[in-house]
């Protein structure tokens, strides 16, 4: 058995657009591109785990792009203006020998990590290489992509899929792996807690599946969902106004995924339990204002954890 077959997250990665959970209008557009072979430069944007990279790979697979016509770059590692000039440009300006689809493809994963100078150079390269290359970009934080680059790509935003679609995918995986679910309510809670990141959800399914009496059994410990536990710990300390403990908790326990969910989760609790926040800092109105400021800048900052710490301290400060 290959490593891909052993890891569910790889085994069940979509290979066709029919298998993806993207909105129908985006699927239909991708199928049009495949049929006409009239491919624009593309940007797939959205939170982690929503299928941006997979969507780009499925498109390339459907177009039958050969390895020699594809340059795949993770822009979190290769992201300078020199990289654009010395690695990407020579490939983009060379001609493909494929008569059916005579262009090369540059796949820039996590393109929001490209430096400003690199993005400016890429903008010019996209125009200069239009006869020989197409670019596919992905970004968790599309606001970090400069406007001039946005104007040169067709953008598609992949949001969190419908919970019913996610549940259907989960049940298909469990059925294929002959897994017995010990507690369906716990499984549903696991799906709800991790519906923003399908990749993480599939990893948790495999992680919580064990062999018992010769059978694959899914035993979900919902309380062990670290992201939920960490946020609940944050709420407890926040309502006490313990800035020092909060600073240490966020720095040591929060992940980027936790910070992405943080703003909505806190707003929900602020609305549901507003009376518990009235006496904190300068009051609930200031907390909501600081929450809006923190969320507004979240996509643009590189250190997400520091952004949450900054919000926390600003929200708890009492104005004189």
C-alpha atoms as a PDB file:
ATOM      1  CA  UNK A   1       0.000   0.000   0.000  1.00  0.00           C
ATOM      2  CA  UNK A   2       1.415   3.379  -1.013  1.00  0.00           C
ATOM      3  CA  UNK A   3       1.791   6.296   1.399  1.00  0.00           C
ATOM      4  CA  UNK A   4      -0.993   8.106  -0.493  1.00  0.00           C
ATOM      5  CA  UNK A   5      -3.376   5.189   0.144  1.00  0.00           C
ATOM      6  CA  UNK A   6      -2.463   5.107   3.829  1.00  0.00           C
ATOM      7  CA  UNK A   7      -3.128   8.814   4.405  1.00  0.00           C
ATOM      8  CA  UNK A   8      -6.834   9.590   4.047  1.00  0.00           C
ATOM      9  CA  UNK A   9      -6.232  13.289   3.394  1.00  0.00           C
ATOM     10  CA  UNK A  10      -4.258  12.310   0.261  1.00  0.00           C
ATOM     11  CA  UNK A  11      -6.373   9.290  -0.671  1.00  0.00           C
ATOM     12  CA  UNK A  12      -9.602  11.292  -0.681  1.00  0.00           C
ATOM     13  CA  UNK A  13      -8.313  14.497  -2.256  1.00  0.00           C
ATOM     14  CA  UNK A  14     -10.649  15.269  -5.188  1.00  0.00           C
ATOM     15  CA  UNK A  15      -9.343  14.341  -8.638  1.00  0.00           C
ATOM     16  CA  UNK A  16     -12.277  15.780 -10.612  1.00  0.00           C
ATOM     17  CA  UNK A  17     -14.429  18.877 -10.179  1.00  0.00           C
ATOM     18  CA  UNK A  18     -17.431  16.618  -9.596  1.00  0.00           C
ATOM     19  CA  UNK A  19     -15.740  15.422  -6.389  1.00  0.00           C
ATOM     20  CA  UNK A  20     -15.006  18.918  -5.063  1.00  0.00           C
ATOM     21  CA  UNK A  21     -17.264  20.822  -2.677  1.00  0.00           C
ATOM     22  CA  UNK A  22     -16.873  24.167  -4.453  1.00  0.00           C
ATOM     23  CA  UNK A  23     -20.002  26.182  -5.404  1.00  0.00           C
ATOM     24  CA  UNK A  24     -21.744  25.058  -8.584  1.00  0.00           C
ATOM     25  CA  UNK A  25     -21.138  28.335 -10.419  1.00  0.00           C
ATOM     26  CA  UNK A  26     -17.368  27.938  -9.938  1.00  0.00           C
ATOM     27  CA  UNK A  27     -17.506  24.281 -11.021  1.00  0.00           C
ATOM     28  CA  UNK A  28     -19.413  25.242 -14.142  1.00  0.00           C
ATOM     29  CA  UNK A  29     -16.867  27.945 -14.969  1.00  0.00           C
ATOM     30  CA  UNK A  30     -13.958  25.523 -14.564  1.00  0.00           C
ATOM     31  CA  UNK A  31     -15.712  22.998 -16.828  1.00  0.00           C
ATOM     32  CA  UNK A  32     -16.147  25.741 -19.439  1.00  0.00           C
ATOM     33  CA  UNK A  33     -12.406  26.466 -19.299  1.00  0.00           C
ATOM     34  CA  UNK A  34     -11.648  22.776 -19.760  1.00  0.00           C
ATOM     35  CA  UNK A  35     -14.022  22.414 -22.715  1.00  0.00           C
ATOM     36  CA  UNK A  36     -12.872  25.544 -24.561  1.00  0.00           C
ATOM     37  CA  UNK A  37      -9.229  25.398 -23.422  1.00  0.00           C
ATOM     38  CA  UNK A  38      -9.456  29.182 -23.183  1.00  0.00           C
ATOM     39  CA  UNK A  39      -7.745  29.524 -19.806  1.00  0.00           C
ATOM     40  CA  UNK A  40      -7.287  32.914 -18.109  1.00  0.00           C
ATOM     41  CA  UNK A  41      -4.842  33.632 -15.314  1.00  0.00           C
ATOM     42  CA  UNK A  42      -6.536  32.507 -12.098  1.00  0.00           C
ATOM     43  CA  UNK A  43      -6.594  33.240  -8.374  1.00  0.00           C
ATOM     44  CA  UNK A  44      -8.232  30.829  -5.925  1.00  0.00           C
ATOM     45  CA  UNK A  45      -8.735  32.600  -2.594  1.00  0.00           C
ATOM     46  CA  UNK A  46     -10.205  31.560   0.742  1.00  0.00           C
ATOM     47  CA  UNK A  47      -9.450  30.171   4.197  1.00  0.00           C
ATOM     48  CA  UNK A  48      -7.145  27.201   4.794  1.00  0.00           C
ATOM     49  CA  UNK A  49      -8.628  23.810   3.980  1.00  0.00           C
ATOM     50  CA  UNK A  50     -11.300  24.985   1.527  1.00  0.00           C
ATOM     51  CA  UNK A  51      -9.710  23.363  -1.532  1.00  0.00           C
ATOM     52  CA  UNK A  52      -7.775  26.145  -3.258  1.00  0.00           C
ATOM     53  CA  UNK A  53      -4.672  24.120  -4.138  1.00  0.00           C
ATOM     54  CA  UNK A  54      -6.757  21.051  -4.939  1.00  0.00           C
ATOM     55  CA  UNK A  55      -8.920  23.087  -7.334  1.00  0.00           C
ATOM     56  CA  UNK A  56      -5.872  24.275  -9.248  1.00  0.00           C
ATOM     57  CA  UNK A  57      -4.427  20.759  -9.430  1.00  0.00           C
ATOM     58  CA  UNK A  58      -7.745  19.285 -10.595  1.00  0.00           C
ATOM     59  CA  UNK A  59      -7.903  21.892 -13.364  1.00  0.00           C
ATOM     60  CA  UNK A  60      -4.383  21.059 -14.523  1.00  0.00           C
ATOM     61  CA  UNK A  61      -5.160  17.350 -14.429  1.00  0.00           C
ATOM     62  CA  UNK A  62      -8.319  17.841 -16.481  1.00  0.00           C
ATOM     63  CA  UNK A  63      -6.340  19.879 -19.031  1.00  0.00           C
ATOM     64  CA  UNK A  64      -3.737  17.066 -19.168  1.00  0.00           C
ATOM     65  CA  UNK A  65      -0.859  19.446 -18.572  1.00  0.00           C
ATOM     66  CA  UNK A  66       2.456  17.585 -18.868  1.00  0.00           C
ATOM     67  CA  UNK A  67       5.160  17.869 -16.202  1.00  0.00           C
ATOM     68  CA  UNK A  68       7.502  19.739 -18.547  1.00  0.00           C
ATOM     69  CA  UNK A  69       4.839  22.415 -19.014  1.00  0.00           C
ATOM     70  CA  UNK A  70       4.224  22.971 -15.287  1.00  0.00           C
ATOM     71  CA  UNK A  71       6.220  24.944 -12.732  1.00  0.00           C
ATOM     72  CA  UNK A  72       4.835  24.516  -9.202  1.00  0.00           C
ATOM     73  CA  UNK A  73       6.140  26.964  -6.602  1.00  0.00           C
ATOM     74  CA  UNK A  74       5.268  27.333  -2.942  1.00  0.00           C
ATOM     75  CA  UNK A  75       5.507  31.075  -2.496  1.00  0.00           C
ATOM     76  CA  UNK A  76       5.965  30.754   1.255  1.00  0.00           C
ATOM     77  CA  UNK A  77       9.508  29.577   0.392  1.00  0.00           C
ATOM     78  CA  UNK A  78      10.223  31.164  -3.001  1.00  0.00           C
ATOM     79  CA  UNK A  79       8.878  34.711  -2.910  1.00  0.00           C
ATOM     80  CA  UNK A  80      11.474  37.358  -3.774  1.00  0.00           C
ATOM     81  CA  UNK A  81      11.758  39.578  -6.835  1.00  0.00           C
ATOM     82  CA  UNK A  82      14.952  37.688  -7.760  1.00  0.00           C
ATOM     83  CA  UNK A  83      12.980  34.428  -7.700  1.00  0.00           C
ATOM     84  CA  UNK A  84      10.474  35.928 -10.141  1.00  0.00           C
ATOM     85  CA  UNK A  85      13.250  37.100 -12.443  1.00  0.00           C
ATOM     86  CA  UNK A  86      15.550  34.060 -12.244  1.00  0.00           C
ATOM     87  CA  UNK A  87      13.159  31.124 -11.807  1.00  0.00           C
ATOM     88  CA  UNK A  88       9.682  32.069 -12.969  1.00  0.00           C
ATOM     89  CA  UNK A  89      10.433  34.417 -15.872  1.00  0.00           C
ATOM     90  CA  UNK A  90      12.657  32.036 -17.925  1.00  0.00           C
ATOM     91  CA  UNK A  91      10.033  29.290 -17.640  1.00  0.00           C
ATOM     92  CA  UNK A  92       7.111  31.593 -18.475  1.00  0.00           C
ATOM     93  CA  UNK A  93       8.811  33.071 -21.532  1.00  0.00           C
ATOM     94  CA  UNK A  94       9.679  29.679 -23.049  1.00  0.00           C
ATOM     95  CA  UNK A  95       7.246  28.016 -25.449  1.00  0.00           C
ATOM     96  CA  UNK A  96       5.353  24.788 -24.877  1.00  0.00           C
ATOM     97  CA  UNK A  97       5.616  22.000 -27.461  1.00  0.00           C
ATOM     98  CA  UNK A  98       2.024  20.923 -26.752  1.00  0.00           C
ATOM     99  CA  UNK A  99       0.073  21.662 -29.935  1.00  0.00           C
ATOM    100  CA  UNK A 100      -3.312  21.088 -28.274  1.00  0.00           C
ATOM    101  CA  UNK A 101      -2.711  23.583 -25.452  1.00  0.00           C
ATOM    102  CA  UNK A 102       0.434  25.553 -26.369  1.00  0.00           C
ATOM    103  CA  UNK A 103       1.047  27.355 -23.082  1.00  0.00           C
ATOM    104  CA  UNK A 104       3.003  26.618 -19.947  1.00  0.00           C
ATOM    105  CA  UNK A 105       1.502  26.880 -16.459  1.00  0.00           C
ATOM    106  CA  UNK A 106       3.028  28.473 -13.371  1.00  0.00           C
ATOM    107  CA  UNK A 107       1.263  27.427 -10.161  1.00  0.00           C
ATOM    108  CA  UNK A 108       2.038  29.866  -7.338  1.00  0.00           C
ATOM    109  CA  UNK A 109       0.682  28.323  -4.136  1.00  0.00           C
ATOM    110  CA  UNK A 110       0.301  30.729  -1.179  1.00  0.00           C
ATOM    111  CA  UNK A 111       0.934  33.693  -3.474  1.00  0.00           C
ATOM    112  CA  UNK A 112       0.003  36.061  -0.645  1.00  0.00           C
ATOM    113  CA  UNK A 113       3.519  35.388   0.705  1.00  0.00           C
ATOM    114  CA  UNK A 114       5.127  37.050  -2.323  1.00  0.00           C
ATOM    115  CA  UNK A 115       6.942  40.275  -1.460  1.00  0.00           C
ATOM    116  CA  UNK A 116       5.577  43.543  -2.800  1.00  0.00           C
ATOM    117  CA  UNK A 117       8.466  43.831  -5.261  1.00  0.00           C
ATOM    118  CA  UNK A 118       7.927  40.243  -6.405  1.00  0.00           C
ATOM    119  CA  UNK A 119       4.238  40.925  -7.014  1.00  0.00           C
ATOM    120  CA  UNK A 120       5.077  44.019  -9.049  1.00  0.00           C
ATOM    121  CA  UNK A 121       7.525  41.996 -11.155  1.00  0.00           C
ATOM    122  CA  UNK A 122       4.957  39.238 -11.546  1.00  0.00           C
ATOM    123  CA  UNK A 123       2.363  41.749 -12.747  1.00  0.00           C
ATOM    124  CA  UNK A 124       4.633  42.772 -15.611  1.00  0.00           C
ATOM    125  CA  UNK A 125       5.571  39.158 -16.374  1.00  0.00           C
ATOM    126  CA  UNK A 126       1.928  38.064 -16.650  1.00  0.00           C
ATOM    127  CA  UNK A 127       1.416  40.626 -19.410  1.00  0.00           C
ATOM    128  CA  UNK A 128       4.719  39.903 -21.174  1.00  0.00           C
ATOM    129  CA  UNK A 129       4.186  36.128 -21.229  1.00  0.00           C
ATOM    130  CA  UNK A 130       0.519  36.007 -22.231  1.00  0.00           C
ATOM    131  CA  UNK A 131       1.311  34.168 -25.484  1.00  0.00           C
ATOM    132  CA  UNK A 132       3.343  31.496 -23.721  1.00  0.00           C
ATOM    133  CA  UNK A 133       2.110  31.052 -20.138  1.00  0.00           C
ATOM    134  CA  UNK A 134      -0.803  31.060 -17.723  1.00  0.00           C
ATOM    135  CA  UNK A 135      -0.597  31.649 -13.986  1.00  0.00           C
ATOM    136  CA  UNK A 136      -2.620  29.959 -11.243  1.00  0.00           C
ATOM    137  CA  UNK A 137      -2.365  31.598  -7.811  1.00  0.00           C
ATOM    138  CA  UNK A 138      -3.780  30.614  -4.436  1.00  0.00           C
ATOM    139  CA  UNK A 139      -4.070  32.861  -1.386  1.00  0.00           C
ATOM    140  CA  UNK A 140      -5.482  32.547   2.116  1.00  0.00           C
ATOM    141  CA  UNK A 141      -5.405  36.338   2.431  1.00  0.00           C
ATOM    142  CA  UNK A 142      -6.261  37.913  -0.950  1.00  0.00           C
ATOM    143  CA  UNK A 143      -6.013  41.447   0.485  1.00  0.00           C
ATOM    144  CA  UNK A 144      -2.253  40.914   0.605  1.00  0.00           C
ATOM    145  CA  UNK A 145      -2.253  40.632  -3.193  1.00  0.00           C
ATOM    146  CA  UNK A 146      -1.658  44.057  -4.765  1.00  0.00           C
ATOM    147  CA  UNK A 147      -4.559  45.552  -6.807  1.00  0.00           C
ATOM    148  CA  UNK A 148      -2.497  45.579 -10.004  1.00  0.00           C
ATOM    149  CA  UNK A 149      -2.074  41.813  -9.734  1.00  0.00           C
ATOM    150  CA  UNK A 150      -5.753  41.271  -8.893  1.00  0.00           C
ATOM    151  CA  UNK A 151      -6.696  43.067 -12.112  1.00  0.00           C
ATOM    152  CA  UNK A 152      -4.716  40.567 -14.169  1.00  0.00           C
ATOM    153  CA  UNK A 153      -6.385  37.394 -12.880  1.00  0.00           C
ATOM    154  CA  UNK A 154      -9.862  35.914 -12.677  1.00  0.00           C
ATOM    155  CA  UNK A 155     -10.577  35.554  -8.944  1.00  0.00           C
ATOM    156  CA  UNK A 156     -12.668  32.819  -7.337  1.00  0.00           C
ATOM    157  CA  UNK A 157     -13.321  32.768  -3.591  1.00  0.00           C
ATOM    158  CA  UNK A 158     -13.795  29.362  -1.971  1.00  0.00           C
ATOM    159  CA  UNK A 159     -15.791  29.682   1.233  1.00  0.00           C
ATOM    160  CA  UNK A 160     -16.590  27.061   3.855  1.00  0.00           C
ATOM    161  CA  UNK A 161     -18.747  24.410   2.121  1.00  0.00           C
ATOM    162  CA  UNK A 162     -22.303  23.636   3.178  1.00  0.00           C
ATOM    163  CA  UNK A 163     -22.328  21.494   6.343  1.00  0.00           C
ATOM    164  CA  UNK A 164     -24.520  18.891   4.626  1.00  0.00           C
ATOM    165  CA  UNK A 165     -22.005  18.517   1.815  1.00  0.00           C
ATOM    166  CA  UNK A 166     -19.192  18.087   4.322  1.00  0.00           C
ATOM    167  CA  UNK A 167     -21.181  15.473   6.280  1.00  0.00           C
ATOM    168  CA  UNK A 168     -21.882  13.563   3.067  1.00  0.00           C
ATOM    169  CA  UNK A 169     -18.168  13.525   2.208  1.00  0.00           C
ATOM    170  CA  UNK A 170     -17.311  12.307   5.726  1.00  0.00           C
ATOM    171  CA  UNK A 171     -19.856   9.473   5.566  1.00  0.00           C
ATOM    172  CA  UNK A 172     -18.520   8.409   2.162  1.00  0.00           C
ATOM    173  CA  UNK A 173     -14.978   8.198   3.551  1.00  0.00           C
ATOM    174  CA  UNK A 174     -16.073   6.230   6.610  1.00  0.00           C
ATOM    175  CA  UNK A 175     -18.091   3.855   4.443  1.00  0.00           C
ATOM    176  CA  UNK A 176     -15.163   3.278   2.070  1.00  0.00           C
ATOM    177  CA  UNK A 177     -12.859   2.554   5.010  1.00  0.00           C
ATOM    178  CA  UNK A 178     -15.448   0.228   6.628  1.00  0.00           C
ATOM    179  CA  UNK A 179     -15.483   2.314   9.804  1.00  0.00           C
ATOM    180  CA  UNK A 180     -18.084   1.776  12.515  1.00  0.00           C
ATOM    181  CA  UNK A 181     -19.144   5.024  14.221  1.00  0.00           C
ATOM    182  CA  UNK A 182     -19.391   4.558  17.978  1.00  0.00           C
ATOM    183  CA  UNK A 183     -21.378   7.739  18.692  1.00  0.00           C
ATOM    184  CA  UNK A 184     -23.104   9.650  15.872  1.00  0.00           C
ATOM    185  CA  UNK A 185     -23.674  12.750  18.030  1.00  0.00           C
ATOM    186  CA  UNK A 186     -19.939  13.007  18.720  1.00  0.00           C
ATOM    187  CA  UNK A 187     -19.221  12.613  14.998  1.00  0.00           C
ATOM    188  CA  UNK A 188     -21.636  15.449  14.198  1.00  0.00           C
ATOM    189  CA  UNK A 189     -19.948  17.668  16.780  1.00  0.00           C
ATOM    190  CA  UNK A 190     -16.534  16.856  15.281  1.00  0.00           C
ATOM    191  CA  UNK A 191     -17.824  17.900  11.851  1.00  0.00           C
ATOM    192  CA  UNK A 192     -19.290  21.160  13.179  1.00  0.00           C
ATOM    193  CA  UNK A 193     -16.139  22.037  15.140  1.00  0.00           C
ATOM    194  CA  UNK A 194     -13.890  21.547  12.097  1.00  0.00           C
ATOM    195  CA  UNK A 195     -16.121  22.506   9.174  1.00  0.00           C
ATOM    196  CA  UNK A 196     -13.900  25.495   8.317  1.00  0.00           C
ATOM    197  CA  UNK A 197     -10.976  23.199   7.432  1.00  0.00           C
ATOM    198  CA  UNK A 198     -11.888  20.013   5.554  1.00  0.00           C
ATOM    199  CA  UNK A 199      -8.266  18.853   5.409  1.00  0.00           C
ATOM    200  CA  UNK A 200      -7.990  18.999   9.191  1.00  0.00           C
ATOM    201  CA  UNK A 201     -11.365  17.241   9.562  1.00  0.00           C
ATOM    202  CA  UNK A 202     -10.255  14.278   7.425  1.00  0.00           C
ATOM    203  CA  UNK A 203      -7.019  14.047   9.408  1.00  0.00           C
ATOM    204  CA  UNK A 204      -9.026  13.935  12.653  1.00  0.00           C
ATOM    205  CA  UNK A 205     -11.276  11.191  11.276  1.00  0.00           C
ATOM    206  CA  UNK A 206      -8.273   8.963  10.633  1.00  0.00           C
ATOM    207  CA  UNK A 207      -6.593   9.961  13.887  1.00  0.00           C
ATOM    208  CA  UNK A 208      -9.674   8.922  15.893  1.00  0.00           C
ATOM    209  CA  UNK A 209     -10.207   5.616  14.073  1.00  0.00           C
ATOM    210  CA  UNK A 210      -8.742   2.565  15.827  1.00  0.00           C
ATOM    211  CA  UNK A 211      -8.981  -1.213  15.391  1.00  0.00           C
ATOM    212  CA  UNK A 212     -11.162  -2.905  17.994  1.00  0.00           C
ATOM    213  CA  UNK A 213     -12.043  -6.620  17.825  1.00  0.00           C
ATOM    214  CA  UNK A 214     -10.928  -6.717  14.214  1.00  0.00           C
ATOM    215  CA  UNK A 215     -13.083  -3.736  13.181  1.00  0.00           C
ATOM    216  CA  UNK A 216     -12.273  -0.105  12.365  1.00  0.00           C
ATOM    217  CA  UNK A 217     -14.043   1.966  15.010  1.00  0.00           C
ATOM    218  CA  UNK A 218     -14.358   5.755  15.160  1.00  0.00           C
ATOM    219  CA  UNK A 219     -14.257   6.953  18.763  1.00  0.00           C
ATOM    220  CA  UNK A 220     -14.438  10.729  18.862  1.00  0.00           C
ATOM    221  CA  UNK A 221     -13.400  12.582  21.994  1.00  0.00           C
ATOM    222  CA  UNK A 222     -15.042  15.918  21.240  1.00  0.00           C
ATOM    223  CA  UNK A 223     -13.594  17.449  24.388  1.00  0.00           C
ATOM    224  CA  UNK A 224     -10.114  16.866  23.013  1.00  0.00           C
ATOM    225  CA  UNK A 225     -10.775  19.284  20.141  1.00  0.00           C
ATOM    226  CA  UNK A 226      -7.894  21.550  21.067  1.00  0.00           C
ATOM    227  CA  UNK A 227      -9.131  24.569  19.145  1.00  0.00           C
ATOM    228  CA  UNK A 228     -12.452  24.631  21.020  1.00  0.00           C
ATOM    229  CA  UNK A 229     -10.769  24.074  24.389  1.00  0.00           C
ATOM    230  CA  UNK A 230      -8.247  26.873  23.784  1.00  0.00           C
ATOM    231  CA  UNK A 231     -10.954  29.348  22.802  1.00  0.00           C
ATOM    232  CA  UNK A 232     -13.040  28.460  25.878  1.00  0.00           C
ATOM    233  CA  UNK A 233      -9.948  29.019  28.040  1.00  0.00           C
ATOM    234  CA  UNK A 234      -9.527  32.397  26.326  1.00  0.00           C
ATOM    235  CA  UNK A 235     -13.134  33.373  27.100  1.00  0.00           C
ATOM    236  CA  UNK A 236     -12.736  32.455  30.759  1.00  0.00           C
ATOM    237  CA  UNK A 237      -9.617  34.597  31.149  1.00  0.00           C
ATOM    238  CA  UNK A 238     -10.984  37.445  29.032  1.00  0.00           C
ATOM    239  CA  UNK A 239     -14.083  37.777  31.212  1.00  0.00           C
ATOM    240  CA  UNK A 240     -11.765  37.992  34.236  1.00  0.00           C
ATOM    241  CA  UNK A 241      -9.760  40.742  32.520  1.00  0.00           C
ATOM    242  CA  UNK A 242      -6.512  38.797  33.084  1.00  0.00           C
ATOM    243  CA  UNK A 243      -4.343  40.366  30.391  1.00  0.00           C
ATOM    244  CA  UNK A 244      -1.102  38.663  31.413  1.00  0.00           C
ATOM    245  CA  UNK A 245      -2.610  35.169  31.378  1.00  0.00           C
ATOM    246  CA  UNK A 246      -4.328  35.901  28.071  1.00  0.00           C
ATOM    247  CA  UNK A 247      -1.088  37.059  26.502  1.00  0.00           C
ATOM    248  CA  UNK A 248       0.643  33.850  27.563  1.00  0.00           C
ATOM    249  CA  UNK A 249      -2.274  31.654  26.452  1.00  0.00           C
ATOM    250  CA  UNK A 250      -2.533  33.152  22.958  1.00  0.00           C
ATOM    251  CA  UNK A 251       1.236  33.094  22.429  1.00  0.00           C
ATOM    252  CA  UNK A 252       1.698  29.489  23.561  1.00  0.00           C
ATOM    253  CA  UNK A 253      -1.539  27.799  22.453  1.00  0.00           C
ATOM    254  CA  UNK A 254      -3.124  29.598  19.481  1.00  0.00           C
ATOM    255  CA  UNK A 255      -2.479  28.421  15.912  1.00  0.00           C
ATOM    256  CA  UNK A 256      -3.186  30.349  12.686  1.00  0.00           C
ATOM    257  CA  UNK A 257      -6.377  28.292  12.290  1.00  0.00           C
ATOM    258  CA  UNK A 258      -7.461  29.300  15.803  1.00  0.00           C
ATOM    259  CA  UNK A 259      -6.908  32.970  14.982  1.00  0.00           C
ATOM    260  CA  UNK A 260      -8.972  32.722  11.779  1.00  0.00           C
ATOM    261  CA  UNK A 261     -11.999  31.418  13.723  1.00  0.00           C
ATOM    262  CA  UNK A 262     -11.405  33.661  16.736  1.00  0.00           C
ATOM    263  CA  UNK A 263     -13.166  36.836  15.538  1.00  0.00           C
ATOM    264  CA  UNK A 264     -16.501  35.211  14.709  1.00  0.00           C
ATOM    265  CA  UNK A 265     -16.520  33.038  17.829  1.00  0.00           C
ATOM    266  CA  UNK A 266     -15.861  36.002  20.124  1.00  0.00           C
ATOM    267  CA  UNK A 267     -18.488  38.153  18.409  1.00  0.00           C
ATOM    268  CA  UNK A 268     -21.051  35.366  18.892  1.00  0.00           C
ATOM    269  CA  UNK A 269     -20.303  35.246  22.614  1.00  0.00           C
ATOM    270  CA  UNK A 270     -20.323  39.043  22.907  1.00  0.00           C
ATOM    271  CA  UNK A 271     -23.837  39.169  21.476  1.00  0.00           C
ATOM    272  CA  UNK A 272     -25.181  36.191  23.432  1.00  0.00           C
ATOM    273  CA  UNK A 273     -23.637  37.170  26.776  1.00  0.00           C
ATOM    274  CA  UNK A 274     -23.274  40.944  26.486  1.00  0.00           C
ATOM    275  CA  UNK A 275     -23.895  41.581  30.207  1.00  0.00           C
ATOM    276  CA  UNK A 276     -20.657  39.744  31.073  1.00  0.00           C
ATOM    277  CA  UNK A 277     -18.613  42.231  29.056  1.00  0.00           C
ATOM    278  CA  UNK A 278     -20.128  45.520  30.216  1.00  0.00           C
ATOM    279  CA  UNK A 279     -17.568  46.111  32.983  1.00  0.00           C
ATOM    280  CA  UNK A 280     -14.482  44.988  31.057  1.00  0.00           C
ATOM    281  CA  UNK A 281     -11.993  47.625  29.907  1.00  0.00           C
ATOM    282  CA  UNK A 282     -13.947  50.587  28.603  1.00  0.00           C
ATOM    283  CA  UNK A 283     -17.101  48.567  28.066  1.00  0.00           C
ATOM    284  CA  UNK A 284     -18.629  46.328  25.420  1.00  0.00           C
ATOM    285  CA  UNK A 285     -18.809  49.046  22.752  1.00  0.00           C
ATOM    286  CA  UNK A 286     -15.037  49.493  22.886  1.00  0.00           C
ATOM    287  CA  UNK A 287     -14.518  45.711  22.777  1.00  0.00           C
ATOM    288  CA  UNK A 288     -16.663  45.441  19.641  1.00  0.00           C
ATOM    289  CA  UNK A 289     -14.819  48.385  18.073  1.00  0.00           C
ATOM    290  CA  UNK A 290     -11.435  46.781  18.798  1.00  0.00           C
ATOM    291  CA  UNK A 291     -12.745  43.440  17.515  1.00  0.00           C
ATOM    292  CA  UNK A 292     -13.720  45.060  14.233  1.00  0.00           C
ATOM    293  CA  UNK A 293     -10.292  46.711  13.942  1.00  0.00           C
ATOM    294  CA  UNK A 294      -8.516  43.429  14.670  1.00  0.00           C
ATOM    295  CA  UNK A 295     -10.558  41.464  12.163  1.00  0.00           C
ATOM    296  CA  UNK A 296     -10.177  44.179   9.511  1.00  0.00           C
ATOM    297  CA  UNK A 297      -6.386  44.010   9.648  1.00  0.00           C
ATOM    298  CA  UNK A 298      -6.119  40.249  10.227  1.00  0.00           C
ATOM    299  CA  UNK A 299      -5.712  39.278   6.575  1.00  0.00           C
ATOM    300  CA  UNK A 300      -2.985  41.876   6.023  1.00  0.00           C
ATOM    301  CA  UNK A 301      -0.657  41.074   8.917  1.00  0.00           C
ATOM    302  CA  UNK A 302       1.899  38.278   8.783  1.00  0.00           C
ATOM    303  CA  UNK A 303       1.826  37.412  12.497  1.00  0.00           C
ATOM    304  CA  UNK A 304      -1.770  36.365  13.221  1.00  0.00           C
ATOM    305  CA  UNK A 305      -1.103  35.443  16.854  1.00  0.00           C
ATOM    306  CA  UNK A 306       0.395  38.874  17.549  1.00  0.00           C
ATOM    307  CA  UNK A 307      -2.709  40.466  16.011  1.00  0.00           C
ATOM    308  CA  UNK A 308      -4.960  38.607  18.491  1.00  0.00           C
ATOM    309  CA  UNK A 309      -2.703  39.632  21.393  1.00  0.00           C
ATOM    310  CA  UNK A 310      -2.872  43.256  20.231  1.00  0.00           C
ATOM    311  CA  UNK A 311      -6.668  43.159  20.096  1.00  0.00           C
ATOM    312  CA  UNK A 312      -6.841  41.575  23.539  1.00  0.00           C
ATOM    313  CA  UNK A 313      -4.746  44.249  25.213  1.00  0.00           C
ATOM    314  CA  UNK A 314      -6.554  47.093  23.389  1.00  0.00           C
ATOM    315  CA  UNK A 315      -9.945  45.697  24.404  1.00  0.00           C
ATOM    316  CA  UNK A 316      -9.053  45.416  28.073  1.00  0.00           C
ATOM    317  CA  UNK A 317      -7.429  48.842  28.498  1.00  0.00           C
ATOM    318  CA  UNK A 318      -9.559  51.293  30.445  1.00  0.00           C
ATOM    319  CA  UNK A 319      -9.708  54.729  28.853  1.00  0.00           C
ATOM    320  CA  UNK A 320      -9.066  57.580  31.252  1.00  0.00           C
END
